[in-house]
N, C-alpha and C. Protein backbone atom coordinates (compact mmCIF):
# COMPACT_ATOMS: atom_id res chain seq x y z
N UNK A 1 8.27 37.37 -1.06
CA UNK A 1 9.30 37.08 -0.32
C UNK A 1 10.46 38.01 -0.68
N UNK A 2 11.15 38.78 0.24
CA UNK A 2 12.16 39.62 0.10
C UNK A 2 13.55 38.87 0.34
N UNK A 3 14.38 39.23 -0.73
CA UNK A 3 15.80 38.77 -0.31
C UNK A 3 16.65 39.91 -0.13
N UNK A 4 17.25 40.00 0.78
CA UNK A 4 18.11 41.18 1.34
C UNK A 4 19.45 41.16 0.30
N UNK A 5 20.03 42.41 0.40
CA UNK A 5 21.18 42.71 -0.45
C UNK A 5 22.16 41.74 -0.38
N UNK A 6 22.48 41.15 0.98
CA UNK A 6 23.54 40.24 1.06
C UNK A 6 23.21 38.83 0.86
N UNK A 7 21.82 38.49 0.20
CA UNK A 7 21.51 37.26 -0.31
C UNK A 7 20.76 36.40 0.74
N UNK A 8 20.46 36.93 1.93
CA UNK A 8 19.66 36.19 2.97
C UNK A 8 18.11 36.67 2.72
N UNK A 9 17.18 35.54 3.27
CA UNK A 9 15.82 35.80 3.09
C UNK A 9 15.42 36.70 4.20
N UNK A 10 14.67 37.79 4.08
CA UNK A 10 14.16 38.45 5.01
C UNK A 10 12.92 37.97 5.82
N UNK A 11 13.24 37.56 7.10
CA UNK A 11 12.18 36.78 7.81
C UNK A 11 11.22 37.57 8.47
N UNK A 12 11.34 39.11 8.32
CA UNK A 12 10.40 39.84 8.87
C UNK A 12 9.30 40.13 7.99
N UNK A 13 9.37 39.49 6.78
CA UNK A 13 8.32 39.67 5.93
C UNK A 13 7.00 38.78 6.24
N UNK A 14 5.94 39.29 6.56
CA UNK A 14 4.75 38.64 7.05
C UNK A 14 4.17 37.43 6.03
N UNK A 15 4.67 37.56 5.00
CA UNK A 15 4.03 36.32 3.94
C UNK A 15 5.00 35.11 4.37
N UNK A 16 4.22 33.87 3.99
CA UNK A 16 4.71 32.69 4.19
C UNK A 16 6.10 32.46 3.47
N UNK A 17 7.02 32.20 4.09
CA UNK A 17 8.34 31.94 3.37
C UNK A 17 8.64 30.36 3.48
N UNK A 18 8.92 29.84 2.28
CA UNK A 18 9.33 28.27 2.20
C UNK A 18 10.91 28.38 1.81
N UNK A 19 11.70 28.02 2.79
CA UNK A 19 13.00 27.98 2.69
C UNK A 19 13.42 26.70 2.00
N UNK A 20 14.62 26.66 1.40
CA UNK A 20 15.10 25.37 0.98
C UNK A 20 15.45 24.17 1.94
N UNK A 21 15.00 23.27 1.69
CA UNK A 21 15.37 22.18 2.77
C UNK A 21 14.63 20.86 2.51
N UNK A 22 14.46 19.82 3.32
CA UNK A 22 13.87 18.69 3.22
C UNK A 22 12.27 18.87 3.56
N UNK A 23 11.36 18.41 2.89
CA UNK A 23 9.95 18.40 3.26
C UNK A 23 9.39 16.96 3.02
N UNK A 24 8.34 16.68 3.77
CA UNK A 24 7.67 15.45 3.54
C UNK A 24 7.07 15.54 2.14
N UNK A 25 7.20 14.52 1.17
CA UNK A 25 6.68 14.52 0.01
C UNK A 25 5.17 14.40 0.04
N UNK A 26 4.89 13.60 1.11
CA UNK A 26 3.32 13.22 0.98
C UNK A 26 2.33 14.10 1.44
N UNK A 27 2.78 15.34 1.91
CA UNK A 27 2.04 16.50 2.59
C UNK A 27 1.03 16.87 1.54
N UNK A 28 1.54 17.15 0.29
CA UNK A 28 0.55 17.66 -0.70
C UNK A 28 -0.07 16.70 -1.74
N UNK A 29 0.18 15.44 -1.51
CA UNK A 29 -0.48 14.42 -2.26
C UNK A 29 -1.71 13.85 -1.72
N UNK A 30 -2.59 13.68 -2.86
CA UNK A 30 -4.03 13.10 -2.43
C UNK A 30 -3.99 11.66 -2.17
N UNK A 31 -4.61 11.03 -1.37
CA UNK A 31 -4.52 9.67 -1.06
C UNK A 31 -5.36 8.99 -2.22
N UNK A 32 -4.71 7.71 -2.75
CA UNK A 32 -5.40 6.98 -3.60
C UNK A 32 -6.86 6.44 -3.02
N UNK A 33 -8.05 6.17 -3.80
CA UNK A 33 -9.00 5.63 -3.30
C UNK A 33 -8.78 4.13 -2.83
N UNK A 34 -9.33 3.60 -1.81
CA UNK A 34 -9.19 2.61 -1.12
C UNK A 34 -9.19 1.41 -1.94
N UNK A 35 -10.16 1.32 -2.73
CA UNK A 35 -10.20 -0.08 -3.59
C UNK A 35 -9.06 0.11 -4.59
N UNK A 36 -8.75 1.18 -5.19
CA UNK A 36 -7.55 1.27 -6.12
C UNK A 36 -6.22 0.92 -5.49
N UNK A 37 -6.18 1.36 -4.21
CA UNK A 37 -4.82 1.23 -3.25
C UNK A 37 -4.72 -0.28 -3.17
N UNK A 38 -5.74 -0.99 -2.61
CA UNK A 38 -5.67 -2.29 -2.36
C UNK A 38 -5.32 -3.15 -3.58
N UNK A 39 -5.96 -2.79 -4.65
CA UNK A 39 -5.72 -3.60 -5.70
C UNK A 39 -4.35 -3.37 -6.29
N UNK A 40 -3.82 -2.26 -6.33
CA UNK A 40 -2.47 -1.82 -6.54
C UNK A 40 -1.46 -2.78 -5.67
N UNK A 41 -1.74 -2.76 -4.42
CA UNK A 41 -0.90 -3.43 -3.41
C UNK A 41 -0.89 -4.90 -3.76
N UNK A 42 -1.95 -5.41 -3.85
CA UNK A 42 -2.23 -6.75 -4.14
C UNK A 42 -1.89 -7.39 -5.22
N UNK A 43 -1.39 -6.48 -6.36
CA UNK A 43 -0.92 -6.83 -7.68
C UNK A 43 0.42 -7.14 -7.50
N UNK A 44 1.05 -6.98 -6.39
CA UNK A 44 2.59 -7.51 -6.25
C UNK A 44 2.84 -8.89 -5.45
N UNK A 45 3.89 -9.24 -5.76
CA UNK A 45 4.20 -10.53 -5.00
C UNK A 45 5.28 -9.96 -3.89
N UNK A 46 5.24 -10.71 -2.74
CA UNK A 46 6.13 -10.13 -1.63
C UNK A 46 6.97 -11.34 -1.19
N UNK A 47 8.15 -11.06 -0.86
CA UNK A 47 9.00 -12.10 -0.10
C UNK A 47 8.42 -12.53 1.24
N UNK A 48 8.60 -13.66 1.63
CA UNK A 48 8.14 -14.02 3.00
C UNK A 48 6.67 -14.56 2.94
N UNK A 49 6.34 -14.94 4.05
CA UNK A 49 4.93 -15.43 4.43
C UNK A 49 4.32 -14.65 5.34
N UNK A 50 2.94 -13.84 4.68
CA UNK A 50 2.48 -12.87 5.83
C UNK A 50 0.95 -12.95 5.52
N UNK A 51 0.25 -12.42 6.31
CA UNK A 51 -1.29 -12.22 6.24
C UNK A 51 -1.73 -10.75 6.64
N UNK A 52 -2.73 -10.21 5.98
CA UNK A 52 -3.31 -8.76 6.25
C UNK A 52 -4.04 -8.92 7.61
N UNK A 53 -3.62 -8.00 8.42
CA UNK A 53 -4.45 -7.75 9.56
C UNK A 53 -5.15 -6.55 9.78
N UNK A 54 -4.91 -5.59 8.88
CA UNK A 54 -5.64 -4.24 9.01
C UNK A 54 -5.81 -3.68 7.54
N UNK A 55 -6.59 -2.63 7.45
CA UNK A 55 -6.62 -1.84 6.15
C UNK A 55 -5.64 -0.74 6.22
N UNK A 56 -5.35 -0.26 5.03
CA UNK A 56 -4.33 0.97 4.74
C UNK A 56 -5.04 2.16 5.50
N UNK A 57 -4.26 2.97 6.09
CA UNK A 57 -5.01 4.24 6.62
C UNK A 57 -4.56 5.33 5.49
N UNK A 58 -4.81 6.64 5.64
CA UNK A 58 -4.71 7.65 4.50
C UNK A 58 -3.19 7.86 4.20
N UNK A 59 -2.28 7.96 5.27
CA UNK A 59 -0.97 8.15 5.24
C UNK A 59 -0.31 7.05 4.13
N UNK A 60 -0.70 5.83 4.31
CA UNK A 60 -0.23 4.73 3.52
C UNK A 60 -0.79 4.86 2.18
N UNK A 61 -1.96 5.24 2.05
CA UNK A 61 -2.57 5.48 0.71
C UNK A 61 -1.96 6.58 -0.13
N UNK A 62 -1.50 7.53 0.61
CA UNK A 62 -0.73 8.69 0.13
C UNK A 62 0.61 8.17 -0.58
N UNK A 63 1.10 7.27 0.30
CA UNK A 63 2.43 6.63 -0.12
C UNK A 63 2.17 5.71 -1.40
N UNK A 64 1.09 5.09 -1.47
CA UNK A 64 0.71 4.23 -2.80
C UNK A 64 0.70 5.29 -3.83
N UNK A 65 0.01 6.49 -3.83
CA UNK A 65 0.21 7.28 -4.90
C UNK A 65 1.66 7.66 -5.31
N UNK A 66 2.54 7.73 -4.20
CA UNK A 66 3.78 8.20 -4.55
C UNK A 66 4.43 6.78 -5.34
N UNK A 67 4.03 5.72 -4.89
CA UNK A 67 4.47 4.46 -5.54
C UNK A 67 3.99 4.29 -7.02
N UNK A 68 2.98 4.85 -7.20
CA UNK A 68 2.42 4.93 -8.71
C UNK A 68 3.17 5.82 -9.55
N UNK A 69 3.46 6.97 -8.99
CA UNK A 69 4.44 7.83 -9.55
C UNK A 69 6.05 7.74 -9.68
N UNK A 70 6.36 6.65 -8.90
CA UNK A 70 7.87 6.38 -8.85
C UNK A 70 8.43 6.24 -10.23
N UNK A 71 9.72 6.85 -10.19
CA UNK A 71 10.29 6.72 -11.53
C UNK A 71 11.09 5.39 -11.76
N UNK A 72 11.49 4.79 -10.66
CA UNK A 72 12.18 3.42 -10.73
C UNK A 72 11.59 2.29 -10.02
N UNK A 73 11.67 1.19 -10.51
CA UNK A 73 11.18 -0.12 -9.92
C UNK A 73 11.60 -0.09 -8.40
N UNK A 74 12.84 0.00 -8.29
CA UNK A 74 13.35 -0.20 -6.80
C UNK A 74 12.60 0.90 -6.02
N UNK A 75 12.33 2.09 -6.23
CA UNK A 75 11.68 3.34 -5.37
C UNK A 75 10.24 2.66 -5.13
N UNK A 76 9.52 2.30 -6.17
CA UNK A 76 8.23 1.86 -6.09
C UNK A 76 8.15 0.71 -5.07
N UNK A 77 9.15 -0.20 -5.23
CA UNK A 77 8.97 -1.53 -4.44
C UNK A 77 9.48 -1.23 -2.88
N UNK A 78 10.25 -0.27 -2.67
CA UNK A 78 10.65 0.15 -1.45
C UNK A 78 9.28 0.72 -0.68
N UNK A 79 8.58 1.66 -1.39
CA UNK A 79 7.56 2.13 -0.68
C UNK A 79 6.27 0.96 -0.57
N UNK A 80 6.13 0.12 -1.65
CA UNK A 80 5.10 -0.83 -1.55
C UNK A 80 5.40 -1.85 -0.37
N UNK A 81 6.87 -2.37 -0.40
CA UNK A 81 7.13 -3.21 0.62
C UNK A 81 7.04 -2.59 2.16
N UNK A 82 7.24 -1.32 2.38
CA UNK A 82 7.06 -0.77 3.58
C UNK A 82 5.57 -0.80 4.11
N UNK A 83 4.79 -0.35 3.14
CA UNK A 83 3.18 -0.55 3.38
C UNK A 83 2.71 -1.90 3.83
N UNK A 84 3.21 -2.89 2.83
CA UNK A 84 2.84 -4.10 3.07
C UNK A 84 3.32 -4.76 4.47
N UNK A 85 4.50 -4.56 4.82
CA UNK A 85 4.92 -4.85 6.18
C UNK A 85 4.16 -4.20 7.40
N UNK A 86 3.73 -2.97 7.20
CA UNK A 86 2.99 -2.43 8.31
C UNK A 86 1.61 -2.79 8.44
N UNK A 87 0.99 -3.46 7.26
CA UNK A 87 -0.52 -3.95 7.48
C UNK A 87 -0.40 -5.39 7.43
N UNK A 88 0.54 -6.14 7.64
CA UNK A 88 0.38 -7.52 7.66
C UNK A 88 1.36 -7.99 9.03
N UNK A 89 1.17 -9.43 9.07
CA UNK A 89 1.91 -9.96 10.29
C UNK A 89 2.40 -11.42 9.73
N UNK A 90 3.60 -11.86 10.19
CA UNK A 90 4.14 -13.18 9.73
C UNK A 90 3.34 -14.40 9.90
N UNK A 91 3.33 -15.33 9.19
CA UNK A 91 2.57 -16.59 9.33
C UNK A 91 3.56 -17.80 9.16
N UNK A 92 3.49 -18.95 9.70
CA UNK A 92 4.33 -20.01 9.53
C UNK A 92 4.38 -20.37 8.04
N UNK A 93 5.36 -20.89 7.52
CA UNK A 93 5.61 -21.27 6.18
C UNK A 93 4.63 -22.56 5.67
N UNK A 94 4.29 -22.72 4.56
CA UNK A 94 3.46 -23.81 4.29
C UNK A 94 4.08 -25.23 4.32
N UNK A 95 3.17 -26.04 4.71
CA UNK A 95 3.78 -27.71 5.03
C UNK A 95 4.38 -28.01 3.75
N UNK A 96 3.83 -27.85 2.55
CA UNK A 96 4.22 -28.24 1.46
C UNK A 96 4.61 -27.13 0.41
N UNK A 97 5.89 -26.72 0.32
CA UNK A 97 6.32 -25.41 -0.26
C UNK A 97 6.00 -25.58 -1.97
N UNK A 98 5.67 -26.76 -2.38
CA UNK A 98 5.42 -26.88 -3.89
C UNK A 98 4.12 -26.48 -4.16
N UNK A 99 3.23 -26.47 -3.39
CA UNK A 99 1.78 -26.19 -3.47
C UNK A 99 1.49 -24.86 -2.97
N UNK A 100 0.63 -24.03 -3.71
CA UNK A 100 0.16 -22.74 -3.02
C UNK A 100 -0.69 -23.14 -1.80
N UNK A 101 -0.67 -22.45 -0.67
CA UNK A 101 -1.72 -22.59 0.34
C UNK A 101 -2.27 -21.34 0.65
N UNK A 102 -3.76 -21.40 0.88
CA UNK A 102 -4.50 -20.22 1.15
C UNK A 102 -4.38 -19.79 2.52
N UNK A 103 -4.10 -18.72 2.71
CA UNK A 103 -3.96 -17.97 3.97
C UNK A 103 -5.21 -17.37 4.57
N UNK A 104 -5.67 -16.41 3.50
CA UNK A 104 -6.93 -15.63 3.63
C UNK A 104 -7.53 -15.21 2.47
N UNK A 105 -8.78 -14.59 2.58
CA UNK A 105 -9.34 -14.16 1.53
C UNK A 105 -9.77 -12.60 1.88
N UNK A 106 -9.31 -11.70 1.12
CA UNK A 106 -9.60 -10.37 1.58
C UNK A 106 -10.79 -9.83 0.56
N UNK A 107 -12.00 -9.48 1.26
CA UNK A 107 -13.10 -8.91 0.60
C UNK A 107 -13.09 -7.37 0.72
N UNK A 108 -13.25 -6.82 -0.34
CA UNK A 108 -13.52 -5.38 -0.56
C UNK A 108 -14.31 -4.82 -1.68
N UNK A 109 -15.43 -4.17 -1.38
CA UNK A 109 -16.08 -3.67 -2.75
C UNK A 109 -16.50 -4.62 -3.56
N UNK A 110 -17.05 -5.78 -3.34
CA UNK A 110 -17.38 -6.79 -4.08
C UNK A 110 -16.55 -7.72 -4.79
N UNK A 111 -14.96 -7.48 -4.49
CA UNK A 111 -14.12 -8.26 -4.87
C UNK A 111 -13.46 -9.03 -3.94
N UNK A 112 -12.97 -10.38 -4.22
CA UNK A 112 -12.24 -11.03 -3.28
C UNK A 112 -10.89 -11.28 -3.85
N UNK A 113 -10.01 -11.17 -2.85
CA UNK A 113 -8.49 -11.41 -3.18
C UNK A 113 -8.15 -12.57 -2.48
N UNK A 114 -7.94 -13.67 -2.96
CA UNK A 114 -7.53 -14.81 -2.32
C UNK A 114 -5.73 -14.82 -1.90
N UNK A 115 -5.32 -14.62 -0.80
CA UNK A 115 -4.00 -14.45 -0.42
C UNK A 115 -3.24 -15.72 -0.31
N UNK A 116 -2.42 -16.21 -1.09
CA UNK A 116 -1.73 -17.62 -1.06
C UNK A 116 -0.30 -17.45 -0.71
N UNK A 117 0.27 -18.37 0.12
CA UNK A 117 1.71 -18.64 0.31
C UNK A 117 1.97 -19.33 -0.94
N UNK A 118 3.00 -19.18 -1.72
CA UNK A 118 3.25 -19.71 -2.92
C UNK A 118 4.90 -19.71 -3.01
N UNK A 119 5.45 -20.92 -2.49
CA UNK A 119 6.86 -21.08 -2.42
C UNK A 119 7.41 -20.20 -1.39
N UNK A 120 8.26 -19.30 -1.68
CA UNK A 120 8.83 -18.35 -0.58
C UNK A 120 8.13 -16.91 -0.78
N UNK A 121 7.11 -16.84 -1.50
CA UNK A 121 6.40 -15.35 -1.49
C UNK A 121 5.00 -15.50 -1.21
N UNK A 122 4.36 -14.35 -0.73
CA UNK A 122 2.93 -14.20 -0.58
C UNK A 122 2.31 -13.44 -1.85
N UNK A 123 1.36 -13.91 -2.41
CA UNK A 123 0.73 -13.38 -3.64
C UNK A 123 -0.58 -13.53 -3.60
N UNK A 124 -1.38 -13.03 -4.68
CA UNK A 124 -2.85 -13.16 -4.80
C UNK A 124 -3.11 -14.12 -5.94
N UNK A 125 -3.75 -15.06 -5.86
CA UNK A 125 -4.01 -15.91 -7.14
C UNK A 125 -5.55 -16.09 -7.20
N UNK A 126 -6.07 -15.88 -8.34
CA UNK A 126 -5.53 -15.38 -9.78
C UNK A 126 -5.18 -13.89 -9.50
N UNK A 127 -4.30 -13.39 -10.33
CA UNK A 127 -3.84 -11.93 -10.38
C UNK A 127 -5.20 -11.24 -10.61
N UNK A 128 -5.26 -10.10 -9.59
CA UNK A 128 -6.37 -9.35 -10.05
C UNK A 128 -7.73 -9.56 -9.11
N UNK A 129 -7.72 -10.59 -8.31
CA UNK A 129 -8.72 -11.01 -7.67
C UNK A 129 -9.96 -11.54 -8.38
N UNK A 130 -11.01 -11.97 -7.63
CA UNK A 130 -12.24 -12.31 -8.26
C UNK A 130 -13.50 -11.63 -7.82
N UNK A 131 -14.53 -11.60 -8.67
CA UNK A 131 -15.71 -10.84 -8.41
C UNK A 131 -16.29 -11.64 -7.22
N UNK A 132 -16.99 -10.99 -6.42
CA UNK A 132 -17.77 -11.72 -5.38
C UNK A 132 -18.95 -12.37 -5.81
N UNK A 133 -19.49 -12.20 -7.05
CA UNK A 133 -20.51 -12.77 -7.61
C UNK A 133 -20.02 -14.32 -8.20
N UNK A 134 -18.76 -14.50 -8.50
CA UNK A 134 -18.38 -15.71 -9.02
C UNK A 134 -18.09 -16.73 -7.78
N UNK A 135 -17.87 -16.26 -6.82
CA UNK A 135 -17.43 -17.01 -5.63
C UNK A 135 -18.52 -17.47 -4.58
N UNK A 136 -18.62 -18.63 -4.08
CA UNK A 136 -19.60 -18.77 -3.08
C UNK A 136 -19.07 -19.32 -1.73
N UNK A 137 -19.48 -18.65 -0.67
CA UNK A 137 -18.99 -19.04 0.57
C UNK A 137 -17.44 -19.05 0.89
N UNK A 138 -16.55 -18.22 0.53
CA UNK A 138 -15.21 -18.29 0.79
C UNK A 138 -14.78 -18.39 2.19
N UNK A 139 -13.80 -19.09 2.38
CA UNK A 139 -13.21 -19.52 3.70
C UNK A 139 -12.20 -18.48 4.18
N UNK A 140 -11.81 -18.26 5.45
CA UNK A 140 -10.72 -17.30 5.89
C UNK A 140 -10.99 -16.04 5.44
N UNK A 141 -12.27 -15.35 5.43
CA UNK A 141 -12.50 -14.01 4.77
C UNK A 141 -12.18 -13.12 5.74
N UNK A 142 -11.42 -11.94 5.28
CA UNK A 142 -11.25 -10.72 6.07
C UNK A 142 -12.04 -9.69 5.26
N UNK A 143 -12.94 -9.07 6.11
CA UNK A 143 -13.84 -7.95 5.32
C UNK A 143 -13.12 -6.67 5.57
N UNK A 144 -12.60 -5.90 4.69
CA UNK A 144 -12.31 -4.50 4.98
C UNK A 144 -13.38 -3.46 4.68
N UNK A 145 -13.58 -2.83 5.83
CA UNK A 145 -14.79 -1.89 5.70
C UNK A 145 -14.35 -0.61 4.98
N UNK A 146 -15.29 -0.01 4.33
CA UNK A 146 -14.78 1.24 3.51
C UNK A 146 -15.09 2.35 4.60
N UNK A 147 -13.99 3.22 4.48
CA UNK A 147 -14.21 4.43 5.34
C UNK A 147 -13.71 5.63 4.50
N UNK A 148 -14.13 6.71 4.95
CA UNK A 148 -13.79 7.87 4.20
C UNK A 148 -12.72 8.71 4.71
N UNK A 149 -12.00 9.21 3.89
CA UNK A 149 -10.48 9.98 4.26
C UNK A 149 -10.86 11.47 4.58
């Protein structure tokens, strides 16, 4: 890159010039593998009552990578909450807010993640999910298929 005597960048230079400014952060970030991204997302509790309707796409898994690298909890939760709201839909609140209510069971790669409405939040109980070998005939199963990026 050439800089002219007056301090401006010489745009006639055929080489690629990257000028100062805002760039999308996730352009150069590799996506997190699907299993790791899902387990990281479901390790959080979310306000409200929602259920998963689709799996994460590549852009959302790139944002999960940025959330893993986030310097502050608020930055991480802003990214994670945005992803959570894009892959879920609202459901009615439980009839008894004192007891957790099973909304669905998400199955991916031999793991089951039972999603419960627990008070005013949505969370996976037990934390970390269960091995598919431990569970027999789960109800309300959402099977997420593995796709390549």
